[in-house]
Amino acid sequence: MKRELNISRLEEILGDIFNDSSDVYILFVDLCGSTAFKQNNIEFVWVQRQLIFLQRVAEFVRKRDGIVVKTIGDELMAIFQASIVPEDILKCAIEIVQYFKDSRLFRGNQKIEAKVSIDFGQTYNGSIVNTLVYDPIGTPVDRCARLNSITKNNEITFSEDFKSTLLTNSSEAQLQEKYGYEIRLEDLKGIQKTTVYCIKIE
């Protein structure tokens, strides 16, 4: 049977979405090289490795008062409220990448490497299921996902909007001295030329 679109219900959902907006920090964390790893290892091995990765990332996020929104395969998406000190979010990202880089749990071809992207801005609650978790949609989310796609192993990238929040408590020179980030101009799919800041964890 063909299902008819309930226009009134759709209008109600859209109204709820636009009335439920918030400025939030977005964090995407991705397990690098997992597709190739799956092809060369038995299911038990790659599933265990992926679950350990997601669990540890979630622990780092919660330690910094972040909220895990969802996992998508080998990727985790989290948000931080606008009241959180932005540098704490950057520190969270650094802790995540550094932890796996230094970890002795997985070595050799089982080595775990992470990459992280961060953004900030106005979002809307796109949750369509009965859940208490704010599931953001909007330009910062799309841009953060695009940032993650160009981020390499053991790197952290963030947008101009996120960097602007960092400047609330520090000068440009102080941030550059502390984190040594590179500045690049990247052509992000669907977003065009964008200034990207990148920290490499050596």
N, C-alpha and C. Protein backbone atom coordinates (compact mmCIF):
# COMPACT_ATOMS: atom_id res chain seq x y z
N MET A 1 0.85 -1.19 0.00
CA MET A 1 0.00 0.00 0.00
C MET A 1 0.89 1.25 0.00
N LYS A 2 0.57 2.20 -0.87
CA LYS A 2 1.35 3.42 -0.94
C LYS A 2 1.07 4.29 0.28
N ARG A 3 2.14 4.73 0.93
CA ARG A 3 1.97 5.54 2.13
C ARG A 3 1.84 7.01 1.75
N GLU A 4 0.80 7.68 2.23
CA GLU A 4 0.60 9.09 1.93
C GLU A 4 1.39 9.94 2.91
N LEU A 5 1.94 11.02 2.38
CA LEU A 5 2.70 11.94 3.21
C LEU A 5 1.74 12.75 4.08
N ASN A 6 1.97 12.72 5.36
CA ASN A 6 1.14 13.48 6.29
C ASN A 6 1.72 14.90 6.39
N ILE A 7 1.15 15.83 5.60
CA ILE A 7 1.68 17.18 5.52
C ILE A 7 1.64 17.89 6.86
N SER A 8 0.55 17.73 7.58
CA SER A 8 0.43 18.41 8.87
C SER A 8 1.49 17.91 9.84
N ARG A 9 1.76 16.62 9.79
CA ARG A 9 2.79 16.05 10.67
C ARG A 9 4.16 16.57 10.27
N LEU A 10 4.40 16.69 8.96
CA LEU A 10 5.68 17.21 8.48
C LEU A 10 5.88 18.64 8.94
N GLU A 11 4.83 19.45 8.84
CA GLU A 11 4.92 20.85 9.29
C GLU A 11 5.20 20.92 10.79
N GLU A 12 4.61 20.00 11.52
CA GLU A 12 4.82 19.96 12.98
C GLU A 12 6.28 19.63 13.30
N ILE A 13 6.83 18.64 12.56
CA ILE A 13 8.23 18.25 12.77
C ILE A 13 9.17 19.40 12.44
N LEU A 14 8.92 20.08 11.29
CA LEU A 14 9.76 21.20 10.89
C LEU A 14 9.69 22.33 11.91
N GLY A 15 8.48 22.57 12.43
CA GLY A 15 8.33 23.60 13.45
C GLY A 15 9.12 23.28 14.70
N ASP A 16 9.08 22.02 15.11
CA ASP A 16 9.83 21.58 16.28
C ASP A 16 11.33 21.76 16.07
N ILE A 17 11.80 21.43 14.86
CA ILE A 17 13.23 21.53 14.55
C ILE A 17 13.70 22.97 14.64
N PHE A 18 12.97 23.90 14.01
CA PHE A 18 13.41 25.29 13.99
C PHE A 18 13.26 25.97 15.34
N ASN A 19 12.41 25.42 16.20
CA ASN A 19 12.27 25.96 17.55
C ASN A 19 13.29 25.37 18.52
N ASP A 20 14.01 24.36 18.06
CA ASP A 20 14.99 23.68 18.91
C ASP A 20 16.36 23.80 18.27
N SER A 21 16.96 24.97 18.42
CA SER A 21 18.28 25.22 17.84
C SER A 21 19.26 25.60 18.93
N SER A 22 20.54 25.41 18.63
CA SER A 22 21.55 25.70 19.65
C SER A 22 22.92 25.85 19.00
N ASP A 23 23.73 26.74 19.56
CA ASP A 23 25.14 26.83 19.16
C ASP A 23 25.89 25.74 19.92
N VAL A 24 26.52 24.85 19.19
CA VAL A 24 27.27 23.76 19.83
C VAL A 24 28.60 23.55 19.13
N TYR A 25 29.50 22.90 19.84
CA TYR A 25 30.75 22.43 19.25
C TYR A 25 30.53 21.02 18.71
N ILE A 26 31.05 20.77 17.53
CA ILE A 26 30.91 19.46 16.89
C ILE A 26 32.27 18.79 16.85
N LEU A 27 32.31 17.51 17.16
CA LEU A 27 33.55 16.74 17.13
C LEU A 27 33.31 15.44 16.36
N PHE A 28 34.10 15.21 15.33
CA PHE A 28 34.08 13.94 14.62
C PHE A 28 35.41 13.24 14.85
N VAL A 29 35.35 11.97 15.25
CA VAL A 29 36.56 11.16 15.45
C VAL A 29 36.45 9.91 14.59
N ASP A 30 37.47 9.66 13.79
CA ASP A 30 37.42 8.55 12.84
C ASP A 30 38.60 7.60 13.07
N LEU A 31 38.32 6.31 12.97
CA LEU A 31 39.35 5.28 13.03
C LEU A 31 39.96 5.14 11.64
N CYS A 32 41.23 5.42 11.51
CA CYS A 32 41.87 5.44 10.20
C CYS A 32 42.13 4.02 9.66
N GLY A 33 41.92 3.86 8.37
CA GLY A 33 42.28 2.62 7.69
C GLY A 33 41.47 1.40 8.07
N SER A 34 40.28 1.59 8.61
CA SER A 34 39.52 0.44 9.10
C SER A 34 38.96 -0.42 7.98
N THR A 35 38.65 0.18 6.83
CA THR A 35 38.10 -0.60 5.72
C THR A 35 39.10 -1.63 5.23
N ALA A 36 40.34 -1.20 5.03
CA ALA A 36 41.39 -2.13 4.60
C ALA A 36 41.66 -3.18 5.67
N PHE A 37 41.59 -2.76 6.94
CA PHE A 37 41.84 -3.69 8.04
C PHE A 37 40.79 -4.80 8.05
N LYS A 38 39.53 -4.43 7.82
CA LYS A 38 38.45 -5.43 7.80
C LYS A 38 38.67 -6.48 6.72
N GLN A 39 39.20 -6.06 5.59
CA GLN A 39 39.39 -6.98 4.47
C GLN A 39 40.49 -8.00 4.72
N ASN A 40 41.38 -7.69 5.67
CA ASN A 40 42.53 -8.56 5.90
C ASN A 40 42.51 -9.27 7.25
N ASN A 41 41.38 -9.15 7.97
CA ASN A 41 41.30 -9.77 9.30
C ASN A 41 39.92 -10.41 9.49
N ILE A 42 39.89 -11.40 10.37
CA ILE A 42 38.62 -12.07 10.64
C ILE A 42 37.70 -11.12 11.40
N GLU A 43 36.42 -11.42 11.33
CA GLU A 43 35.40 -10.53 11.89
C GLU A 43 35.61 -10.24 13.36
N PHE A 44 35.93 -11.25 14.15
CA PHE A 44 36.10 -11.07 15.59
C PHE A 44 37.18 -10.03 15.88
N VAL A 45 38.27 -10.06 15.12
CA VAL A 45 39.41 -9.16 15.36
C VAL A 45 39.03 -7.72 15.06
N TRP A 46 38.44 -7.47 13.88
CA TRP A 46 38.16 -6.07 13.54
C TRP A 46 37.01 -5.50 14.37
N VAL A 47 36.04 -6.35 14.73
CA VAL A 47 34.94 -5.86 15.57
C VAL A 47 35.46 -5.47 16.95
N GLN A 48 36.30 -6.32 17.53
CA GLN A 48 36.87 -6.03 18.85
C GLN A 48 37.69 -4.74 18.81
N ARG A 49 38.51 -4.60 17.78
CA ARG A 49 39.36 -3.41 17.63
C ARG A 49 38.51 -2.15 17.49
N GLN A 50 37.47 -2.23 16.70
CA GLN A 50 36.61 -1.07 16.47
C GLN A 50 35.85 -0.67 17.73
N LEU A 51 35.35 -1.66 18.47
CA LEU A 51 34.60 -1.37 19.69
C LEU A 51 35.50 -0.76 20.77
N ILE A 52 36.73 -1.25 20.86
CA ILE A 52 37.69 -0.68 21.82
C ILE A 52 37.95 0.78 21.46
N PHE A 53 38.13 1.04 20.18
CA PHE A 53 38.36 2.41 19.71
C PHE A 53 37.21 3.33 20.10
N LEU A 54 36.00 2.94 19.77
CA LEU A 54 34.83 3.77 20.04
C LEU A 54 34.61 3.99 21.53
N GLN A 55 34.83 2.93 22.31
CA GLN A 55 34.65 3.04 23.76
C GLN A 55 35.66 4.00 24.38
N ARG A 56 36.92 3.91 23.97
CA ARG A 56 37.94 4.80 24.54
C ARG A 56 37.70 6.25 24.13
N VAL A 57 37.31 6.46 22.87
CA VAL A 57 37.01 7.82 22.41
C VAL A 57 35.86 8.40 23.23
N ALA A 58 34.82 7.61 23.45
CA ALA A 58 33.67 8.06 24.24
C ALA A 58 34.09 8.45 25.65
N GLU A 59 35.01 7.71 26.23
CA GLU A 59 35.49 8.02 27.58
C GLU A 59 36.20 9.37 27.61
N PHE A 60 37.02 9.65 26.60
CA PHE A 60 37.72 10.94 26.54
C PHE A 60 36.72 12.08 26.37
N VAL A 61 35.71 11.87 25.55
CA VAL A 61 34.69 12.90 25.31
C VAL A 61 33.93 13.21 26.60
N ARG A 62 33.50 12.18 27.30
CA ARG A 62 32.72 12.39 28.53
C ARG A 62 33.57 13.02 29.63
N LYS A 63 34.85 12.70 29.64
CA LYS A 63 35.75 13.28 30.65
C LYS A 63 35.81 14.81 30.51
N ARG A 64 35.62 15.29 29.28
CA ARG A 64 35.65 16.74 29.02
C ARG A 64 34.24 17.32 28.92
N ASP A 65 33.26 16.59 29.49
CA ASP A 65 31.86 17.04 29.53
C ASP A 65 31.20 17.11 28.16
N GLY A 66 31.68 16.29 27.23
CA GLY A 66 31.03 16.19 25.93
C GLY A 66 29.93 15.14 25.96
N ILE A 67 29.12 15.13 24.92
CA ILE A 67 28.01 14.19 24.79
C ILE A 67 28.18 13.40 23.50
N VAL A 68 28.21 12.09 23.61
CA VAL A 68 28.28 11.25 22.43
C VAL A 68 26.89 11.21 21.78
N VAL A 69 26.81 11.68 20.55
CA VAL A 69 25.53 11.71 19.84
C VAL A 69 25.25 10.37 19.18
N LYS A 70 26.26 9.85 18.48
CA LYS A 70 26.08 8.58 17.77
C LYS A 70 27.41 8.07 17.24
N THR A 71 27.41 6.80 16.91
CA THR A 71 28.53 6.22 16.17
C THR A 71 28.00 5.80 14.81
N ILE A 72 28.84 5.99 13.80
CA ILE A 72 28.49 5.62 12.43
C ILE A 72 29.62 4.73 11.93
N GLY A 73 29.43 3.43 12.07
CA GLY A 73 30.52 2.51 11.71
C GLY A 73 31.70 2.71 12.62
N ASP A 74 32.82 3.16 12.06
CA ASP A 74 34.04 3.36 12.85
C ASP A 74 34.24 4.83 13.23
N GLU A 75 33.19 5.62 13.13
CA GLU A 75 33.29 7.05 13.42
C GLU A 75 32.36 7.41 14.57
N LEU A 76 32.82 8.34 15.40
CA LEU A 76 32.02 8.81 16.52
C LEU A 76 31.77 10.30 16.37
N MET A 77 30.54 10.70 16.62
CA MET A 77 30.17 12.12 16.58
C MET A 77 29.76 12.55 17.99
N ALA A 78 30.32 13.66 18.42
CA ALA A 78 30.01 14.18 19.76
C ALA A 78 29.74 15.67 19.68
N ILE A 79 29.06 16.18 20.69
CA ILE A 79 28.83 17.61 20.81
C ILE A 79 29.26 18.09 22.19
N PHE A 80 29.60 19.37 22.24
CA PHE A 80 29.91 20.04 23.50
C PHE A 80 29.08 21.31 23.54
N GLN A 81 28.50 21.60 24.68
CA GLN A 81 27.69 22.81 24.82
C GLN A 81 28.56 24.05 24.67
N ALA A 82 27.93 25.15 24.27
CA ALA A 82 28.66 26.40 24.03
C ALA A 82 29.32 26.93 25.30
N SER A 83 28.86 26.48 26.46
CA SER A 83 29.43 26.93 27.73
C SER A 83 30.79 26.29 28.04
N ILE A 84 31.13 25.23 27.32
CA ILE A 84 32.41 24.55 27.54
C ILE A 84 33.55 25.42 27.03
N VAL A 85 34.64 25.46 27.76
CA VAL A 85 35.83 26.21 27.32
C VAL A 85 36.35 25.55 26.04
N PRO A 86 36.43 26.29 24.93
CA PRO A 86 36.80 25.68 23.65
C PRO A 86 38.17 24.99 23.66
N GLU A 87 39.10 25.54 24.43
CA GLU A 87 40.42 24.91 24.46
C GLU A 87 40.36 23.53 25.10
N ASP A 88 39.38 23.30 25.98
CA ASP A 88 39.21 21.96 26.56
C ASP A 88 38.80 20.95 25.50
N ILE A 89 38.04 21.41 24.51
CA ILE A 89 37.63 20.52 23.42
C ILE A 89 38.83 20.18 22.54
N LEU A 90 39.66 21.18 22.28
CA LEU A 90 40.88 20.93 21.51
C LEU A 90 41.80 19.97 22.26
N LYS A 91 41.89 20.16 23.57
CA LYS A 91 42.70 19.25 24.39
C LYS A 91 42.14 17.83 24.35
N CYS A 92 40.83 17.71 24.33
CA CYS A 92 40.18 16.40 24.22
C CYS A 92 40.61 15.72 22.92
N ALA A 93 40.59 16.47 21.83
CA ALA A 93 40.99 15.92 20.53
C ALA A 93 42.45 15.47 20.55
N ILE A 94 43.30 16.28 21.14
CA ILE A 94 44.73 15.94 21.23
C ILE A 94 44.93 14.69 22.08
N GLU A 95 44.21 14.61 23.19
CA GLU A 95 44.31 13.43 24.06
C GLU A 95 43.91 12.15 23.34
N ILE A 96 42.87 12.24 22.52
CA ILE A 96 42.40 11.07 21.79
C ILE A 96 43.46 10.58 20.81
N VAL A 97 43.95 11.48 19.99
CA VAL A 97 44.95 11.10 18.98
C VAL A 97 46.23 10.61 19.65
N GLN A 98 46.67 11.33 20.69
CA GLN A 98 47.91 10.97 21.38
C GLN A 98 47.80 9.61 22.06
N TYR A 99 46.65 9.34 22.63
CA TYR A 99 46.45 8.06 23.34
C TYR A 99 46.66 6.88 22.40
N PHE A 100 46.02 6.91 21.26
CA PHE A 100 46.14 5.78 20.33
C PHE A 100 47.53 5.73 19.69
N LYS A 101 48.12 6.89 19.49
CA LYS A 101 49.47 6.93 18.92
C LYS A 101 50.48 6.27 19.86
N ASP A 102 50.29 6.48 21.16
CA ASP A 102 51.24 5.95 22.15
C ASP A 102 50.84 4.59 22.70
N SER A 103 49.63 4.14 22.41
CA SER A 103 49.11 2.90 23.00
C SER A 103 49.92 1.67 22.58
N ARG A 104 50.14 0.78 23.52
CA ARG A 104 50.83 -0.48 23.25
C ARG A 104 49.83 -1.63 23.05
N LEU A 105 48.55 -1.30 23.14
CA LEU A 105 47.51 -2.33 23.03
C LEU A 105 47.48 -2.94 21.64
N PHE A 106 47.61 -2.09 20.62
CA PHE A 106 47.62 -2.58 19.24
C PHE A 106 48.89 -2.09 18.56
N ARG A 107 49.64 -3.02 18.01
CA ARG A 107 50.90 -2.69 17.34
C ARG A 107 50.93 -3.31 15.95
N GLY A 108 51.93 -2.90 15.18
CA GLY A 108 52.11 -3.48 13.85
C GLY A 108 50.93 -3.17 12.95
N ASN A 109 50.46 -4.20 12.23
CA ASN A 109 49.35 -3.97 11.29
C ASN A 109 48.00 -3.81 12.00
N GLN A 110 47.99 -3.99 13.33
CA GLN A 110 46.76 -3.76 14.10
C GLN A 110 46.76 -2.39 14.78
N LYS A 111 47.77 -1.60 14.51
CA LYS A 111 47.91 -0.28 15.12
C LYS A 111 46.66 0.58 14.89
N ILE A 112 46.19 1.22 15.95
CA ILE A 112 45.04 2.11 15.86
C ILE A 112 45.54 3.55 15.71
N GLU A 113 45.03 4.24 14.70
CA GLU A 113 45.32 5.66 14.52
C GLU A 113 43.99 6.40 14.33
N ALA A 114 43.94 7.58 14.90
CA ALA A 114 42.71 8.37 14.84
C ALA A 114 42.94 9.69 14.12
N LYS A 115 41.86 10.27 13.64
CA LYS A 115 41.88 11.63 13.12
C LYS A 115 40.62 12.33 13.61
N VAL A 116 40.75 13.63 13.88
CA VAL A 116 39.67 14.37 14.54
C VAL A 116 39.42 15.70 13.81
N SER A 117 38.16 16.07 13.70
CA SER A 117 37.81 17.40 13.19
C SER A 117 36.85 18.08 14.16
N ILE A 118 36.94 19.41 14.23
CA ILE A 118 36.15 20.19 15.18
C ILE A 118 35.54 21.39 14.49
N ASP A 119 34.30 21.72 14.84
CA ASP A 119 33.65 22.91 14.30
C ASP A 119 32.72 23.50 15.35
N PHE A 120 32.17 24.65 15.03
CA PHE A 120 31.27 25.33 15.97
C PHE A 120 30.26 26.16 15.18
N GLY A 121 29.05 26.25 15.71
CA GLY A 121 28.06 27.12 15.10
C GLY A 121 26.64 26.74 15.44
N GLN A 122 25.71 27.44 14.80
CA GLN A 122 24.29 27.21 15.06
C GLN A 122 23.83 25.93 14.38
N THR A 123 23.13 25.12 15.14
CA THR A 123 22.59 23.86 14.62
C THR A 123 21.13 23.72 15.04
N TYR A 124 20.48 22.73 14.45
CA TYR A 124 19.09 22.43 14.78
C TYR A 124 19.00 20.97 15.20
N ASN A 125 18.05 20.69 16.05
CA ASN A 125 17.89 19.31 16.53
C ASN A 125 17.19 18.48 15.45
N GLY A 126 17.96 17.63 14.80
CA GLY A 126 17.42 16.83 13.71
C GLY A 126 16.93 15.46 14.14
N SER A 127 16.82 15.23 15.43
CA SER A 127 16.39 13.92 15.92
C SER A 127 14.95 13.65 15.50
N ILE A 128 14.73 12.50 14.88
CA ILE A 128 13.37 12.12 14.47
C ILE A 128 12.88 10.91 15.25
N VAL A 129 13.64 10.53 16.25
CA VAL A 129 13.22 9.42 17.10
C VAL A 129 13.06 9.94 18.53
N ASN A 130 12.40 9.16 19.34
CA ASN A 130 12.13 9.55 20.72
C ASN A 130 13.40 9.40 21.55
N THR A 131 14.20 10.44 21.61
CA THR A 131 15.45 10.37 22.35
C THR A 131 15.73 11.71 23.01
N LEU A 132 16.46 11.66 24.10
CA LEU A 132 16.81 12.89 24.81
C LEU A 132 18.07 13.52 24.26
N VAL A 133 18.78 12.81 23.38
CA VAL A 133 20.04 13.31 22.84
C VAL A 133 19.78 14.31 21.72
N TYR A 134 20.41 15.47 21.82
CA TYR A 134 20.33 16.50 20.78
C TYR A 134 21.17 16.03 19.60
N ASP A 135 20.53 15.84 18.45
CA ASP A 135 21.22 15.33 17.26
C ASP A 135 21.31 16.46 16.24
N PRO A 136 22.42 17.20 16.22
CA PRO A 136 22.50 18.43 15.44
C PRO A 136 22.56 18.21 13.93
N ILE A 137 21.89 19.11 13.22
CA ILE A 137 22.04 19.21 11.77
C ILE A 137 22.31 20.67 11.45
N GLY A 138 22.97 20.92 10.33
CA GLY A 138 23.28 22.30 9.96
C GLY A 138 24.67 22.41 9.36
N THR A 139 25.01 23.61 8.95
CA THR A 139 26.29 23.84 8.27
C THR A 139 27.51 23.40 9.08
N PRO A 140 27.58 23.68 10.40
CA PRO A 140 28.76 23.23 11.15
C PRO A 140 28.96 21.72 11.12
N VAL A 141 27.85 20.98 11.12
CA VAL A 141 27.93 19.51 11.09
C VAL A 141 28.45 19.05 9.73
N ASP A 142 27.87 19.61 8.66
CA ASP A 142 28.31 19.25 7.31
C ASP A 142 29.78 19.59 7.10
N ARG A 143 30.16 20.77 7.56
CA ARG A 143 31.55 21.22 7.37
C ARG A 143 32.51 20.37 8.18
N CYS A 144 32.11 20.00 9.39
CA CYS A 144 32.97 19.17 10.23
C CYS A 144 33.19 17.80 9.60
N ALA A 145 32.15 17.26 8.99
CA ALA A 145 32.28 15.97 8.29
C ALA A 145 33.22 16.10 7.10
N ARG A 146 33.10 17.20 6.35
CA ARG A 146 33.99 17.43 5.21
C ARG A 146 35.43 17.62 5.68
N LEU A 147 35.59 18.33 6.79
CA LEU A 147 36.93 18.50 7.36
C LEU A 147 37.55 17.15 7.68
N ASN A 148 36.75 16.27 8.27
CA ASN A 148 37.28 14.96 8.65
C ASN A 148 37.72 14.17 7.44
N SER A 149 37.05 14.36 6.32
CA SER A 149 37.38 13.60 5.11
C SER A 149 38.74 13.98 4.54
N ILE A 150 39.23 15.19 4.84
CA ILE A 150 40.55 15.60 4.34
C ILE A 150 41.63 15.51 5.42
N THR A 151 41.23 15.12 6.61
CA THR A 151 42.17 14.99 7.72
C THR A 151 42.93 13.67 7.60
N LYS A 152 44.22 13.72 7.87
CA LYS A 152 45.06 12.52 7.76
C LYS A 152 45.26 11.87 9.13
N ASN A 153 45.87 10.70 9.12
CA ASN A 153 46.16 9.98 10.36
C ASN A 153 46.91 10.87 11.33
N ASN A 154 46.52 10.81 12.60
CA ASN A 154 47.18 11.56 13.68
C ASN A 154 47.12 13.07 13.49
N GLU A 155 46.06 13.54 12.84
CA GLU A 155 45.87 14.97 12.65
C GLU A 155 44.55 15.42 13.29
N ILE A 156 44.53 16.71 13.63
CA ILE A 156 43.32 17.36 14.13
C ILE A 156 43.09 18.59 13.27
N THR A 157 41.92 18.71 12.69
CA THR A 157 41.60 19.90 11.90
C THR A 157 40.43 20.63 12.54
N PHE A 158 40.40 21.94 12.33
CA PHE A 158 39.26 22.72 12.83
C PHE A 158 39.02 23.92 11.94
N SER A 159 37.83 24.45 12.04
CA SER A 159 37.38 25.53 11.16
C SER A 159 37.73 26.91 11.71
N GLU A 160 37.51 27.91 10.87
CA GLU A 160 37.70 29.30 11.27
C GLU A 160 36.75 29.66 12.41
N ASP A 161 35.52 29.14 12.35
CA ASP A 161 34.54 29.44 13.39
C ASP A 161 34.98 28.90 14.74
N PHE A 162 35.57 27.69 14.74
CA PHE A 162 36.06 27.15 16.01
C PHE A 162 37.26 27.94 16.50
N LYS A 163 38.15 28.31 15.58
CA LYS A 163 39.33 29.07 15.99
C LYS A 163 38.93 30.40 16.62
N SER A 164 37.87 31.00 16.10
CA SER A 164 37.39 32.28 16.65
C SER A 164 36.99 32.14 18.11
N THR A 165 36.44 30.99 18.47
CA THR A 165 36.07 30.78 19.88
C THR A 165 37.32 30.61 20.74
N LEU A 166 38.37 30.04 20.17
CA LEU A 166 39.62 29.90 20.92
C LEU A 166 40.23 31.26 21.24
N LEU A 167 40.01 32.22 20.35
CA LEU A 167 40.59 33.55 20.53
C LEU A 167 39.92 34.35 21.64
N THR A 168 38.85 33.80 22.21
CA THR A 168 38.17 34.46 23.33
C THR A 168 39.09 34.57 24.54
N ASN A 169 39.91 33.54 24.75
CA ASN A 169 40.78 33.51 25.94
C ASN A 169 42.27 33.56 25.62
N SER A 170 42.63 33.53 24.35
CA SER A 170 44.04 33.52 23.96
C SER A 170 44.23 34.35 22.70
N SER A 171 45.45 34.85 22.52
CA SER A 171 45.76 35.57 21.29
C SER A 171 46.16 34.58 20.21
N GLU A 172 46.17 35.05 18.97
CA GLU A 172 46.59 34.20 17.85
C GLU A 172 48.01 33.69 18.07
N ALA A 173 48.89 34.58 18.53
CA ALA A 173 50.29 34.21 18.75
C ALA A 173 50.41 33.15 19.84
N GLN A 174 49.63 33.29 20.90
CA GLN A 174 49.67 32.30 21.99
C GLN A 174 49.20 30.93 21.52
N LEU A 175 48.13 30.91 20.73
CA LEU A 175 47.62 29.64 20.21
C LEU A 175 48.62 28.99 19.27
N GLN A 176 49.21 29.81 18.42
CA GLN A 176 50.18 29.27 17.46
C GLN A 176 51.41 28.71 18.17
N GLU A 177 51.85 29.41 19.20
CA GLU A 177 53.02 28.94 19.96
C GLU A 177 52.71 27.64 20.70
N LYS A 178 51.50 27.55 21.25
CA LYS A 178 51.14 26.38 22.05
C LYS A 178 50.86 25.14 21.19
N TYR A 179 50.18 25.34 20.05
CA TYR A 179 49.72 24.19 19.27
C TYR A 179 50.41 24.02 17.91
N GLY A 180 51.06 25.07 17.45
CA GLY A 180 51.82 24.97 16.20
C GLY A 180 51.00 24.50 15.01
N TYR A 181 49.79 25.04 14.87
CA TYR A 181 48.93 24.57 13.78
C TYR A 181 49.33 25.17 12.43
N GLU A 182 49.04 24.41 11.39
CA GLU A 182 49.22 24.88 10.02
C GLU A 182 47.91 25.50 9.55
N ILE A 183 48.01 26.43 8.63
CA ILE A 183 46.82 27.05 8.04
C ILE A 183 46.79 26.69 6.56
N ARG A 184 45.68 26.10 6.12
CA ARG A 184 45.56 25.68 4.73
C ARG A 184 44.24 26.20 4.15
N LEU A 185 44.22 26.34 2.84
CA LEU A 185 42.99 26.67 2.14
C LEU A 185 42.57 25.43 1.39
N GLU A 186 41.44 24.84 1.79
CA GLU A 186 40.99 23.58 1.21
C GLU A 186 39.66 23.76 0.48
N ASP A 187 39.50 23.03 -0.59
CA ASP A 187 38.25 23.04 -1.34
C ASP A 187 37.38 21.90 -0.83
N LEU A 188 36.50 22.20 0.12
CA LEU A 188 35.65 21.18 0.71
C LEU A 188 34.43 20.94 -0.16
N LYS A 189 34.13 19.70 -0.42
CA LYS A 189 33.03 19.33 -1.30
C LYS A 189 31.71 19.94 -0.82
N GLY A 190 31.06 20.69 -1.70
CA GLY A 190 29.77 21.29 -1.37
C GLY A 190 29.87 22.55 -0.54
N ILE A 191 31.09 22.91 -0.11
CA ILE A 191 31.27 24.08 0.75
C ILE A 191 32.24 25.08 0.12
N GLN A 192 33.02 24.65 -0.82
CA GLN A 192 34.00 25.45 -1.56
C GLN A 192 35.22 25.77 -0.70
N LYS A 193 35.96 26.80 -1.10
CA LYS A 193 37.23 27.11 -0.45
C LYS A 193 37.01 27.50 1.02
N THR A 194 37.76 26.83 1.89
CA THR A 194 37.59 27.03 3.32
C THR A 194 38.96 27.07 4.00
N THR A 195 39.13 28.00 4.93
CA THR A 195 40.36 28.04 5.72
C THR A 195 40.31 26.93 6.76
N VAL A 196 41.36 26.11 6.75
CA VAL A 196 41.42 24.95 7.65
C VAL A 196 42.68 25.05 8.50
N TYR A 197 42.52 24.77 9.79
CA TYR A 197 43.65 24.76 10.72
C TYR A 197 43.96 23.31 11.07
N CYS A 198 45.23 22.97 11.06
CA CYS A 198 45.62 21.57 11.23
C CYS A 198 46.75 21.42 12.25
N ILE A 199 46.54 20.53 13.21
CA ILE A 199 47.57 20.18 14.19
C ILE A 199 48.01 18.74 13.92
N LYS A 200 49.29 18.53 13.77
CA LYS A 200 49.83 17.19 13.55
C LYS A 200 50.42 16.68 14.86
N ILE A 201 49.99 15.52 15.29
CA ILE A 201 50.51 14.92 16.51
C ILE A 201 51.70 14.03 16.13
N GLU A 202 52.88 14.47 16.51
CA GLU A 202 54.11 13.74 16.14
C GLU A 202 54.42 12.67 17.18
